[in-house]
Amino acid sequence: VSQNGDALQFAADELRADREVVLAAVSQDAFALTHAADELRADREVVLAAVSQNGDALQVAADELRADREVVLAAVSQHGRALCSAADELRADREVVLAAVSQNGDALQFAADELRADREVVLAAVSQDAFALTHAADELRADREV
């Protein structure tokens, strides 16, 4: 698994539950997390290793880690669109959303409504991807300066 993390899918259950084996797998292929035992998809260190390699792996993390600010910040800093897998309260967290839209402006579509109406957040998104404007609140889409 250290050479091909996806090989974890073929491993015996006891290896899928082995923390060291899973850490090696997700460090090579973040989506090996899909094949890890449930308790390891809820292991903060394992999930941080996975989302640092590919933020989109947040989608297969345990719910409590999708609500963990540090884990989500690591994920969206690597892959902005991972914001879609974050807990609702973090989609409304200005710092998390700014990190996401700075990495991928299109992540604005997953932000809470109040942040889609936040001028600084929208400007950060649009400066990264002009098409992000389609996800901004109406009053900002009509703003000439945006």
C-alpha atoms as a PDB file:
ATOM      1  CA  VAL A   1       0.000   0.000   0.000  1.00  0.00           C
ATOM      2  CA  SER A   2       2.934   2.368   0.374  1.00  0.00           C
ATOM      3  CA  GLN A   3       3.432   2.156  -3.419  1.00  0.00           C
ATOM      4  CA  ASN A   4      -0.251   1.984  -4.357  1.00  0.00           C
ATOM      5  CA  GLY A   5      -2.630   3.116  -1.633  1.00  0.00           C
ATOM      6  CA  ASP A   6      -5.636   1.908  -3.596  1.00  0.00           C
ATOM      7  CA  ALA A   7      -4.431  -1.661  -2.999  1.00  0.00           C
ATOM      8  CA  LEU A   8      -5.940  -1.299   0.481  1.00  0.00           C
ATOM      9  CA  GLN A   9      -9.257  -2.356  -1.042  1.00  0.00           C
ATOM     10  CA  PHE A  10      -7.848  -5.854  -1.520  1.00  0.00           C
ATOM     11  CA  ALA A  11      -6.353  -6.129   1.959  1.00  0.00           C
ATOM     12  CA  ALA A  12      -7.795  -8.286   4.719  1.00  0.00           C
ATOM     13  CA  ASP A  13     -10.091  -6.600   7.232  1.00  0.00           C
ATOM     14  CA  GLU A  14      -7.430  -6.649   9.948  1.00  0.00           C
ATOM     15  CA  LEU A  15      -5.076  -4.673   7.681  1.00  0.00           C
ATOM     16  CA  ARG A  16      -7.821  -2.180   6.850  1.00  0.00           C
ATOM     17  CA  ALA A  17      -8.097  -1.648  10.593  1.00  0.00           C
ATOM     18  CA  ASP A  18      -4.325  -1.344  11.094  1.00  0.00           C
ATOM     19  CA  ARG A  19      -3.494   2.323  11.682  1.00  0.00           C
ATOM     20  CA  GLU A  20       0.062   2.153  10.296  1.00  0.00           C
ATOM     21  CA  VAL A  21      -1.051   0.342   7.130  1.00  0.00           C
ATOM     22  CA  VAL A  22      -3.879   2.818   6.526  1.00  0.00           C
ATOM     23  CA  LEU A  23      -1.614   5.832   7.197  1.00  0.00           C
ATOM     24  CA  ALA A  24       0.826   4.511   4.593  1.00  0.00           C
ATOM     25  CA  ALA A  25      -2.022   3.953   2.124  1.00  0.00           C
ATOM     26  CA  VAL A  26      -3.673   7.384   2.506  1.00  0.00           C
ATOM     27  CA  SER A  27      -0.308   9.124   2.318  1.00  0.00           C
ATOM     28  CA  GLN A  28       0.105   7.592  -1.129  1.00  0.00           C
ATOM     29  CA  ASP A  29      -3.561   7.761  -2.262  1.00  0.00           C
ATOM     30  CA  ALA A  30      -5.978   9.804  -0.170  1.00  0.00           C
ATOM     31  CA  PHE A  31      -8.975   7.852  -1.427  1.00  0.00           C
ATOM     32  CA  ALA A  32      -7.608   4.684   0.151  1.00  0.00           C
ATOM     33  CA  LEU A  33      -9.506   6.143   3.118  1.00  0.00           C
ATOM     34  CA  THR A  34     -12.627   4.749   1.439  1.00  0.00           C
ATOM     35  CA  HIS A  35     -11.392   1.231   2.178  1.00  0.00           C
ATOM     36  CA  ALA A  36     -10.246   1.875   5.749  1.00  0.00           C
ATOM     37  CA  ALA A  37     -12.141   0.538   8.738  1.00  0.00           C
ATOM     38  CA  ASP A  38     -14.798   2.923  10.091  1.00  0.00           C
ATOM     39  CA  GLU A  39     -12.800   3.673  13.237  1.00  0.00           C
ATOM     40  CA  LEU A  40      -9.879   4.864  11.104  1.00  0.00           C
ATOM     41  CA  ARG A  41     -12.115   7.086   8.979  1.00  0.00           C
ATOM     42  CA  ALA A  42     -12.848   8.727  12.336  1.00  0.00           C
ATOM     43  CA  ASP A  43      -9.151   8.912  13.310  1.00  0.00           C
ATOM     44  CA  ARG A  44      -8.070  12.550  13.146  1.00  0.00           C
ATOM     45  CA  GLU A  45      -4.426  11.867  12.222  1.00  0.00           C
ATOM     46  CA  VAL A  46      -5.378   9.413   9.467  1.00  0.00           C
ATOM     47  CA  VAL A  47      -7.936  11.793   7.975  1.00  0.00           C
ATOM     48  CA  LEU A  48      -5.532  14.762   8.184  1.00  0.00           C
ATOM     49  CA  ALA A  49      -2.957  12.709   6.263  1.00  0.00           C
ATOM     50  CA  ALA A  50      -5.559  11.880   3.620  1.00  0.00           C
ATOM     51  CA  VAL A  51      -6.977  15.394   3.144  1.00  0.00           C
ATOM     52  CA  SER A  52      -3.491  16.891   3.079  1.00  0.00           C
ATOM     53  CA  GLN A  53      -2.768  14.624   0.122  1.00  0.00           C
ATOM     54  CA  ASN A  54      -6.158  15.270  -1.543  1.00  0.00           C
ATOM     55  CA  GLY A  55      -8.705  17.512   0.159  1.00  0.00           C
ATOM     56  CA  ASP A  56     -11.565  15.854  -1.650  1.00  0.00           C
ATOM     57  CA  ALA A  57     -11.060  12.774   0.562  1.00  0.00           C
ATOM     58  CA  LEU A  58     -13.009  14.723   3.197  1.00  0.00           C
ATOM     59  CA  GLN A  59     -16.143  13.243   1.650  1.00  0.00           C
ATOM     60  CA  VAL A  60     -15.340   9.783   3.058  1.00  0.00           C
ATOM     61  CA  ALA A  61     -14.241  10.956   6.514  1.00  0.00           C
ATOM     62  CA  ALA A  62     -16.458  10.367   9.543  1.00  0.00           C
ATOM     63  CA  ASP A  63     -19.079  13.066  10.152  1.00  0.00           C
ATOM     64  CA  GLU A  64     -17.405  14.355  13.311  1.00  0.00           C
ATOM     65  CA  LEU A  65     -14.223  15.088  11.342  1.00  0.00           C
ATOM     66  CA  ARG A  66     -16.169  16.831   8.602  1.00  0.00           C
ATOM     67  CA  ALA A  67     -17.118  19.211  11.416  1.00  0.00           C
ATOM     68  CA  ASP A  68     -13.520  19.534  12.697  1.00  0.00           C
ATOM     69  CA  ARG A  69     -12.243  22.992  11.775  1.00  0.00           C
ATOM     70  CA  GLU A  70      -8.562  22.009  11.443  1.00  0.00           C
ATOM     71  CA  VAL A  71      -9.366  18.983   9.273  1.00  0.00           C
ATOM     72  CA  VAL A  72     -11.669  21.005   7.022  1.00  0.00           C
ATOM     73  CA  LEU A  73      -9.155  23.861   6.716  1.00  0.00           C
ATOM     74  CA  ALA A  74      -6.501  21.360   5.629  1.00  0.00           C
ATOM     75  CA  ALA A  75      -8.911  19.857   3.102  1.00  0.00           C
ATOM     76  CA  VAL A  76     -10.125  23.102   1.531  1.00  0.00           C
ATOM     77  CA  SER A  77      -6.614  24.557   1.423  1.00  0.00           C
ATOM     78  CA  GLN A  78      -5.617  21.596  -0.717  1.00  0.00           C
ATOM     79  CA  HIS A  79      -8.867  21.328  -2.721  1.00  0.00           C
ATOM     80  CA  GLY A  80     -11.303  24.227  -2.343  1.00  0.00           C
ATOM     81  CA  ARG A  81     -14.319  22.301  -3.570  1.00  0.00           C
ATOM     82  CA  ALA A  82     -13.947  19.978  -0.559  1.00  0.00           C
ATOM     83  CA  LEU A  83     -16.075  22.631   1.139  1.00  0.00           C
ATOM     84  CA  CYS A  84     -19.082  20.714  -0.204  1.00  0.00           C
ATOM     85  CA  SER A  85     -18.269  17.893   2.250  1.00  0.00           C
ATOM     86  CA  ALA A  86     -17.812  20.145   5.283  1.00  0.00           C
ATOM     87  CA  ALA A  87     -20.402  20.409   8.034  1.00  0.00           C
ATOM     88  CA  ASP A  88     -22.873  23.272   7.627  1.00  0.00           C
ATOM     89  CA  GLU A  89     -21.384  25.306  10.483  1.00  0.00           C
ATOM     90  CA  LEU A  90     -18.004  25.311   8.711  1.00  0.00           C
ATOM     91  CA  ARG A  91     -19.573  26.356   5.428  1.00  0.00           C
ATOM     92  CA  ALA A  92     -20.598  29.450   7.395  1.00  0.00           C
ATOM     93  CA  ASP A  93     -17.094  29.960   8.865  1.00  0.00           C
ATOM     94  CA  ARG A  94     -15.540  32.957   7.118  1.00  0.00           C
ATOM     95  CA  GLU A  95     -11.920  31.784   7.459  1.00  0.00           C
ATOM     96  CA  VAL A  96     -12.729  28.303   6.139  1.00  0.00           C
ATOM     97  CA  VAL A  97     -14.666  29.700   3.188  1.00  0.00           C
ATOM     98  CA  LEU A  98     -11.933  32.236   2.366  1.00  0.00           C
ATOM     99  CA  ALA A  99      -9.377  29.413   2.315  1.00  0.00           C
ATOM    100  CA  ALA A 100     -11.642  27.379   0.037  1.00  0.00           C
ATOM    101  CA  VAL A 101     -12.423  30.127  -2.479  1.00  0.00           C
ATOM    102  CA  SER A 102      -8.803  31.277  -2.541  1.00  0.00           C
ATOM    103  CA  GLN A 103      -7.850  27.777  -3.674  1.00  0.00           C
ATOM    104  CA  ASN A 104     -10.837  27.348  -6.018  1.00  0.00           C
ATOM    105  CA  GLY A 105     -13.254  30.205  -6.602  1.00  0.00           C
ATOM    106  CA  ASP A 106     -15.992  27.795  -7.638  1.00  0.00           C
ATOM    107  CA  ALA A 107     -16.168  26.624  -4.004  1.00  0.00           C
ATOM    108  CA  LEU A 108     -18.269  29.742  -3.376  1.00  0.00           C
ATOM    109  CA  GLN A 109     -21.317  27.724  -4.394  1.00  0.00           C
ATOM    110  CA  PHE A 110     -20.949  25.612  -1.226  1.00  0.00           C
ATOM    111  CA  ALA A 111     -20.636  28.568   1.166  1.00  0.00           C
ATOM    112  CA  ALA A 112     -23.462  29.648   3.443  1.00  0.00           C
ATOM    113  CA  ASP A 113     -25.738  32.312   1.961  1.00  0.00           C
ATOM    114  CA  GLU A 114     -24.422  35.070   4.241  1.00  0.00           C
ATOM    115  CA  LEU A 115     -20.882  34.469   2.961  1.00  0.00           C
ATOM    116  CA  ARG A 116     -22.026  34.434  -0.645  1.00  0.00           C
ATOM    117  CA  ALA A 117     -23.153  37.984   0.139  1.00  0.00           C
ATOM    118  CA  ASP A 118     -19.840  38.923   1.795  1.00  0.00           C
ATOM    119  CA  ARG A 119     -17.937  41.297  -0.484  1.00  0.00           C
ATOM    120  CA  GLU A 120     -14.432  40.172   0.579  1.00  0.00           C
ATOM    121  CA  VAL A 121     -15.297  36.494   0.179  1.00  0.00           C
ATOM    122  CA  VAL A 122     -16.825  37.057  -3.254  1.00  0.00           C
ATOM    123  CA  LEU A 123     -13.865  39.184  -4.385  1.00  0.00           C
ATOM    124  CA  ALA A 124     -11.463  36.415  -3.299  1.00  0.00           C
ATOM    125  CA  ALA A 125     -13.527  33.839  -5.210  1.00  0.00           C
ATOM    126  CA  VAL A 126     -13.826  35.956  -8.351  1.00  0.00           C
ATOM    127  CA  SER A 127     -10.119  36.805  -8.362  1.00  0.00           C
ATOM    128  CA  GLN A 128      -9.405  33.065  -8.418  1.00  0.00           C
ATOM    129  CA  ASP A 129     -12.169  32.188 -10.921  1.00  0.00           C
ATOM    130  CA  ALA A 130     -14.254  34.859 -12.621  1.00  0.00           C
ATOM    131  CA  PHE A 131     -17.113  32.399 -13.119  1.00  0.00           C
ATOM    132  CA  ALA A 132     -17.516  32.214  -9.327  1.00  0.00           C
ATOM    133  CA  LEU A 133     -19.598  35.372  -9.687  1.00  0.00           C
ATOM    134  CA  THR A 134     -22.499  33.145 -10.730  1.00  0.00           C
ATOM    135  CA  HIS A 135     -22.613  31.859  -7.128  1.00  0.00           C
ATOM    136  CA  ALA A 136     -22.551  35.279  -5.460  1.00  0.00           C
ATOM    137  CA  ALA A 137     -25.596  36.914  -3.902  1.00  0.00           C
ATOM    138  CA  ASP A 138     -27.670  38.998  -6.331  1.00  0.00           C
ATOM    139  CA  GLU A 139     -26.637  42.351  -4.828  1.00  0.00           C
ATOM    140  CA  LEU A 140     -22.956  41.542  -5.426  1.00  0.00           C
ATOM    141  CA  ARG A 141     -23.548  40.207  -8.923  1.00  0.00           C
ATOM    142  CA  ALA A 142     -24.967  43.663  -9.735  1.00  0.00           C
ATOM    143  CA  ASP A 143     -21.995  45.472  -8.148  1.00  0.00           C
ATOM    144  CA  ARG A 144     -19.759  47.023 -10.835  1.00  0.00           C
ATOM    145  CA  GLU A 145     -16.674  46.818  -8.604  1.00  0.00           C
ATOM    146  CA  VAL A 146     -16.990  43.073  -8.165  1.00  0.00           C
END
